[in-house]
Amino acid sequence: MELRAQEQRLVQIRRQATLLAVALVSEPFSAATDERLRLYVTEVADEAQMLARKLLELPEEVLRSRISELSSRRGGRGAVSGGTSAVLLFDAPGKHAGIARAALRGRKATR
């Protein structure tokens, strides 16, 4: 899967997780919420972890370049076309998470 497709899939998964979180708060005892939670855990969660790991294992220069591209296309706030957001992509712990967060803030990361 190419980088852009991975990013888009992660954004889709994050949206799904956010909607699930809302359902867990607003309707925690609903059978539909229970089914959505089971589906997410059995069919989506492992894919999300794998995609996030692969993305965060990219070389620092690739991450910085991609973050810069996404940030410039989104005008500093919100998602870019296709729904990919640098904030969504790198809001995760990992090898380069500090670098990604610092790049989003426009400064160098400390190691």
N, C-alpha and C. Protein backbone atom coordinates (compact mmCIF):
# COMPACT_ATOMS: atom_id res chain seq x y z
N MET A 1 0.86 -1.17 0.00
CA MET A 1 0.00 0.00 0.00
C MET A 1 0.90 1.24 0.00
N GLU A 2 0.63 2.17 -0.89
CA GLU A 2 1.45 3.38 -0.97
C GLU A 2 1.17 4.30 0.22
N LEU A 3 2.09 5.23 0.46
CA LEU A 3 2.01 6.12 1.62
C LEU A 3 0.68 6.86 1.68
N ARG A 4 0.26 7.47 0.60
CA ARG A 4 -0.98 8.24 0.61
C ARG A 4 -2.18 7.35 0.94
N ALA A 5 -2.22 6.15 0.40
CA ALA A 5 -3.31 5.21 0.69
C ALA A 5 -3.29 4.80 2.16
N GLN A 6 -2.08 4.60 2.72
CA GLN A 6 -1.97 4.28 4.15
C GLN A 6 -2.52 5.42 4.99
N GLU A 7 -2.15 6.64 4.63
CA GLU A 7 -2.62 7.81 5.37
C GLU A 7 -4.14 7.90 5.33
N GLN A 8 -4.71 7.73 4.15
CA GLN A 8 -6.16 7.83 4.00
C GLN A 8 -6.85 6.73 4.79
N ARG A 9 -6.29 5.54 4.78
CA ARG A 9 -6.91 4.44 5.55
C ARG A 9 -6.84 4.73 7.04
N LEU A 10 -5.72 5.27 7.51
CA LEU A 10 -5.61 5.63 8.93
C LEU A 10 -6.62 6.70 9.32
N VAL A 11 -6.84 7.66 8.45
CA VAL A 11 -7.83 8.70 8.73
C VAL A 11 -9.23 8.08 8.79
N GLN A 12 -9.54 7.16 7.87
CA GLN A 12 -10.83 6.47 7.92
C GLN A 12 -10.99 5.71 9.23
N ILE A 13 -9.95 5.01 9.62
CA ILE A 13 -10.00 4.22 10.86
C ILE A 13 -10.17 5.14 12.07
N ARG A 14 -9.47 6.27 12.05
CA ARG A 14 -9.59 7.20 13.18
C ARG A 14 -11.02 7.74 13.27
N ARG A 15 -11.60 8.07 12.13
CA ARG A 15 -13.00 8.54 12.15
C ARG A 15 -13.92 7.46 12.71
N GLN A 16 -13.70 6.23 12.28
CA GLN A 16 -14.51 5.12 12.78
C GLN A 16 -14.35 4.98 14.29
N ALA A 17 -13.12 5.08 14.78
CA ALA A 17 -12.86 4.97 16.22
C ALA A 17 -13.50 6.12 16.98
N THR A 18 -13.47 7.32 16.41
CA THR A 18 -14.08 8.47 17.06
C THR A 18 -15.59 8.30 17.17
N LEU A 19 -16.21 7.86 16.09
CA LEU A 19 -17.65 7.61 16.13
C LEU A 19 -18.00 6.51 17.13
N LEU A 20 -17.15 5.50 17.21
CA LEU A 20 -17.36 4.44 18.18
C LEU A 20 -17.24 4.98 19.60
N ALA A 21 -16.25 5.84 19.83
CA ALA A 21 -16.08 6.43 21.16
C ALA A 21 -17.31 7.24 21.57
N VAL A 22 -17.85 7.99 20.63
CA VAL A 22 -19.07 8.76 20.90
C VAL A 22 -20.21 7.82 21.25
N ALA A 23 -20.36 6.75 20.50
CA ALA A 23 -21.42 5.77 20.77
C ALA A 23 -21.23 5.12 22.14
N LEU A 24 -19.99 4.85 22.51
CA LEU A 24 -19.73 4.23 23.81
C LEU A 24 -20.12 5.16 24.96
N VAL A 25 -20.01 6.46 24.74
CA VAL A 25 -20.40 7.42 25.77
C VAL A 25 -21.91 7.66 25.75
N SER A 26 -22.46 7.83 24.56
CA SER A 26 -23.88 8.18 24.47
C SER A 26 -24.83 7.00 24.57
N GLU A 27 -24.42 5.83 24.12
CA GLU A 27 -25.27 4.64 24.14
C GLU A 27 -24.46 3.40 24.52
N PRO A 28 -23.89 3.39 25.72
CA PRO A 28 -22.96 2.30 26.08
C PRO A 28 -23.61 0.92 26.18
N PHE A 29 -24.90 0.86 26.37
CA PHE A 29 -25.55 -0.44 26.55
C PHE A 29 -26.35 -0.88 25.33
N SER A 30 -26.20 -0.15 24.25
CA SER A 30 -26.91 -0.47 23.01
C SER A 30 -26.28 -1.70 22.35
N ALA A 31 -27.13 -2.56 21.82
CA ALA A 31 -26.65 -3.73 21.09
C ALA A 31 -25.87 -3.30 19.85
N ALA A 32 -26.29 -2.22 19.22
CA ALA A 32 -25.60 -1.72 18.02
C ALA A 32 -24.19 -1.23 18.39
N THR A 33 -24.07 -0.55 19.52
CA THR A 33 -22.75 -0.08 19.97
C THR A 33 -21.85 -1.27 20.28
N ASP A 34 -22.41 -2.27 20.94
CA ASP A 34 -21.65 -3.48 21.25
C ASP A 34 -21.14 -4.14 19.97
N GLU A 35 -21.99 -4.24 18.97
CA GLU A 35 -21.62 -4.86 17.71
C GLU A 35 -20.52 -4.05 17.00
N ARG A 36 -20.65 -2.72 17.00
CA ARG A 36 -19.64 -1.87 16.37
C ARG A 36 -18.30 -2.01 17.09
N LEU A 37 -18.32 -2.10 18.41
CA LEU A 37 -17.09 -2.28 19.18
C LEU A 37 -16.43 -3.61 18.83
N ARG A 38 -17.21 -4.67 18.81
CA ARG A 38 -16.66 -6.00 18.47
C ARG A 38 -16.08 -6.02 17.06
N LEU A 39 -16.78 -5.40 16.12
CA LEU A 39 -16.30 -5.34 14.75
C LEU A 39 -14.97 -4.57 14.68
N TYR A 40 -14.89 -3.44 15.38
CA TYR A 40 -13.67 -2.65 15.37
C TYR A 40 -12.49 -3.46 15.94
N VAL A 41 -12.72 -4.11 17.06
CA VAL A 41 -11.64 -4.86 17.71
C VAL A 41 -11.21 -6.05 16.87
N THR A 42 -12.15 -6.76 16.28
CA THR A 42 -11.79 -7.97 15.53
C THR A 42 -11.32 -7.71 14.11
N GLU A 43 -11.77 -6.60 13.49
CA GLU A 43 -11.46 -6.41 12.07
C GLU A 43 -10.64 -5.17 11.74
N VAL A 44 -10.52 -4.22 12.65
CA VAL A 44 -9.89 -2.95 12.29
C VAL A 44 -8.67 -2.60 13.15
N ALA A 45 -8.72 -2.89 14.42
CA ALA A 45 -7.69 -2.43 15.35
C ALA A 45 -6.28 -2.90 14.97
N ASP A 46 -6.13 -4.15 14.59
CA ASP A 46 -4.80 -4.65 14.22
C ASP A 46 -4.26 -3.95 12.98
N GLU A 47 -5.14 -3.72 12.01
CA GLU A 47 -4.72 -3.00 10.80
C GLU A 47 -4.26 -1.59 11.15
N ALA A 48 -5.00 -0.92 12.02
CA ALA A 48 -4.64 0.44 12.42
C ALA A 48 -3.27 0.47 13.08
N GLN A 49 -3.00 -0.46 13.98
CA GLN A 49 -1.71 -0.51 14.66
C GLN A 49 -0.59 -0.76 13.66
N MET A 50 -0.80 -1.67 12.73
CA MET A 50 0.22 -1.99 11.73
C MET A 50 0.50 -0.78 10.83
N LEU A 51 -0.55 -0.12 10.36
CA LEU A 51 -0.37 1.04 9.50
C LEU A 51 0.33 2.19 10.24
N ALA A 52 -0.06 2.42 11.47
CA ALA A 52 0.57 3.50 12.25
C ALA A 52 2.04 3.20 12.49
N ARG A 53 2.35 1.95 12.83
CA ARG A 53 3.76 1.56 13.04
C ARG A 53 4.58 1.78 11.78
N LYS A 54 4.05 1.34 10.63
CA LYS A 54 4.77 1.49 9.37
C LYS A 54 5.02 2.97 9.06
N LEU A 55 4.03 3.78 9.29
CA LEU A 55 4.16 5.21 9.01
C LEU A 55 5.20 5.86 9.92
N LEU A 56 5.18 5.51 11.18
CA LEU A 56 6.09 6.13 12.15
C LEU A 56 7.50 5.57 12.05
N GLU A 57 7.69 4.48 11.32
CA GLU A 57 9.03 3.92 11.13
C GLU A 57 9.73 4.49 9.89
N LEU A 58 9.04 5.36 9.16
CA LEU A 58 9.67 5.98 8.00
C LEU A 58 10.85 6.85 8.44
N PRO A 59 11.81 7.05 7.58
CA PRO A 59 12.95 7.91 7.92
C PRO A 59 12.48 9.33 8.27
N GLU A 60 13.24 9.96 9.14
CA GLU A 60 12.88 11.30 9.61
C GLU A 60 12.65 12.28 8.47
N GLU A 61 13.50 12.25 7.45
CA GLU A 61 13.36 13.20 6.35
C GLU A 61 12.06 12.98 5.57
N VAL A 62 11.63 11.73 5.45
CA VAL A 62 10.37 11.43 4.76
C VAL A 62 9.20 11.97 5.58
N LEU A 63 9.26 11.76 6.90
CA LEU A 63 8.20 12.27 7.77
C LEU A 63 8.12 13.79 7.70
N ARG A 64 9.28 14.44 7.82
CA ARG A 64 9.29 15.91 7.78
C ARG A 64 8.74 16.43 6.45
N SER A 65 9.12 15.81 5.36
CA SER A 65 8.65 16.22 4.04
C SER A 65 7.14 16.05 3.93
N ARG A 66 6.64 14.92 4.38
CA ARG A 66 5.20 14.64 4.29
C ARG A 66 4.41 15.58 5.19
N ILE A 67 4.91 15.82 6.39
CA ILE A 67 4.24 16.74 7.31
C ILE A 67 4.19 18.14 6.71
N SER A 68 5.31 18.56 6.13
CA SER A 68 5.38 19.88 5.51
C SER A 68 4.36 19.98 4.37
N GLU A 69 4.30 18.95 3.55
CA GLU A 69 3.34 18.94 2.44
C GLU A 69 1.91 19.02 2.94
N LEU A 70 1.57 18.19 3.92
CA LEU A 70 0.22 18.18 4.46
C LEU A 70 -0.12 19.50 5.13
N SER A 71 0.83 20.04 5.88
CA SER A 71 0.59 21.30 6.59
C SER A 71 0.37 22.45 5.62
N SER A 72 1.14 22.50 4.55
CA SER A 72 0.99 23.59 3.58
C SER A 72 -0.32 23.46 2.82
N ARG A 73 -0.75 22.25 2.55
CA ARG A 73 -2.00 22.03 1.81
C ARG A 73 -3.22 22.29 2.65
N ARG A 74 -3.07 22.22 3.96
CA ARG A 74 -4.24 22.42 4.82
C ARG A 74 -4.31 23.84 5.36
N GLY A 75 -3.37 24.69 5.00
CA GLY A 75 -3.42 26.08 5.41
C GLY A 75 -3.23 26.28 6.89
N GLY A 76 -2.55 25.36 7.54
CA GLY A 76 -2.27 25.51 8.97
C GLY A 76 -3.31 24.89 9.89
N ARG A 77 -4.53 24.67 9.42
CA ARG A 77 -5.59 24.09 10.26
C ARG A 77 -6.47 23.18 9.40
N GLY A 78 -7.05 22.18 10.01
CA GLY A 78 -8.03 21.33 9.33
C GLY A 78 -7.39 20.29 8.44
N ALA A 79 -8.22 19.53 7.78
CA ALA A 79 -7.74 18.45 6.92
C ALA A 79 -7.53 18.93 5.49
N VAL A 80 -6.64 18.26 4.82
CA VAL A 80 -6.40 18.56 3.41
C VAL A 80 -7.40 17.79 2.57
N SER A 81 -7.38 18.04 1.27
CA SER A 81 -8.28 17.32 0.38
C SER A 81 -8.08 15.82 0.55
N GLY A 82 -9.15 15.10 0.54
CA GLY A 82 -9.08 13.67 0.76
C GLY A 82 -9.12 13.32 2.23
N GLY A 83 -9.13 14.32 3.10
CA GLY A 83 -9.28 14.09 4.52
C GLY A 83 -8.02 13.70 5.26
N THR A 84 -6.86 13.81 4.66
CA THR A 84 -5.63 13.45 5.34
C THR A 84 -5.11 14.65 6.11
N SER A 85 -4.81 14.46 7.38
CA SER A 85 -4.31 15.54 8.21
C SER A 85 -3.01 15.12 8.87
N ALA A 86 -2.04 16.00 8.87
CA ALA A 86 -0.77 15.69 9.52
C ALA A 86 -0.97 15.43 11.00
N VAL A 87 -1.87 16.15 11.62
CA VAL A 87 -2.13 15.95 13.04
C VAL A 87 -2.69 14.56 13.28
N LEU A 88 -3.62 14.13 12.45
CA LEU A 88 -4.19 12.79 12.61
C LEU A 88 -3.15 11.72 12.36
N LEU A 89 -2.29 11.95 11.39
CA LEU A 89 -1.32 10.94 11.03
C LEU A 89 -0.28 10.69 12.12
N PHE A 90 0.10 11.72 12.80
CA PHE A 90 1.22 11.58 13.72
C PHE A 90 0.84 11.77 15.17
N ASP A 91 -0.42 11.62 15.48
CA ASP A 91 -0.88 11.71 16.85
C ASP A 91 -0.82 10.32 17.47
N ALA A 92 0.40 9.81 17.53
CA ALA A 92 0.61 8.46 18.05
C ALA A 92 2.01 8.35 18.60
N PRO A 93 2.20 7.49 19.60
CA PRO A 93 3.55 7.28 20.10
C PRO A 93 4.35 6.48 19.09
N GLY A 94 5.64 6.62 19.10
CA GLY A 94 6.48 5.85 18.20
C GLY A 94 7.84 6.46 18.05
N LYS A 95 8.63 5.82 17.23
CA LYS A 95 10.02 6.19 17.02
C LYS A 95 10.19 7.67 16.66
N HIS A 96 9.34 8.19 15.78
CA HIS A 96 9.48 9.56 15.30
C HIS A 96 8.35 10.47 15.76
N ALA A 97 7.58 10.08 16.75
CA ALA A 97 6.42 10.88 17.15
C ALA A 97 6.83 12.28 17.59
N GLY A 98 7.92 12.41 18.34
CA GLY A 98 8.38 13.72 18.78
C GLY A 98 8.80 14.58 17.61
N ILE A 99 9.44 13.98 16.63
CA ILE A 99 9.86 14.70 15.42
C ILE A 99 8.62 15.20 14.68
N ALA A 100 7.64 14.31 14.54
CA ALA A 100 6.43 14.69 13.83
C ALA A 100 5.70 15.82 14.55
N ARG A 101 5.56 15.72 15.85
CA ARG A 101 4.87 16.77 16.60
C ARG A 101 5.62 18.09 16.50
N ALA A 102 6.94 18.04 16.60
CA ALA A 102 7.75 19.27 16.51
C ALA A 102 7.63 19.88 15.12
N ALA A 103 7.63 19.06 14.10
CA ALA A 103 7.52 19.57 12.73
C ALA A 103 6.17 20.25 12.53
N LEU A 104 5.15 19.71 13.15
CA LEU A 104 3.83 20.33 13.05
C LEU A 104 3.82 21.70 13.73
N ARG A 105 4.64 21.85 14.75
CA ARG A 105 4.73 23.13 15.45
C ARG A 105 5.75 24.06 14.82
N GLY A 106 6.47 23.57 13.79
CA GLY A 106 7.42 24.38 13.07
C GLY A 106 8.74 24.58 13.77
N ARG A 107 9.16 23.62 14.57
CA ARG A 107 10.47 23.74 15.22
C ARG A 107 11.17 22.40 15.21
N LYS A 108 12.44 22.39 15.60
CA LYS A 108 13.21 21.14 15.65
C LYS A 108 12.88 20.35 16.90
N ALA A 109 12.85 19.05 16.75
CA ALA A 109 12.61 18.17 17.90
C ALA A 109 13.89 17.98 18.69
N THR A 110 13.73 17.83 19.98
CA THR A 110 14.88 17.46 20.81
C THR A 110 14.84 15.97 20.99
N ARG A 111 15.99 15.35 20.99
CA ARG A 111 16.04 13.88 21.11
C ARG A 111 16.40 13.47 22.49
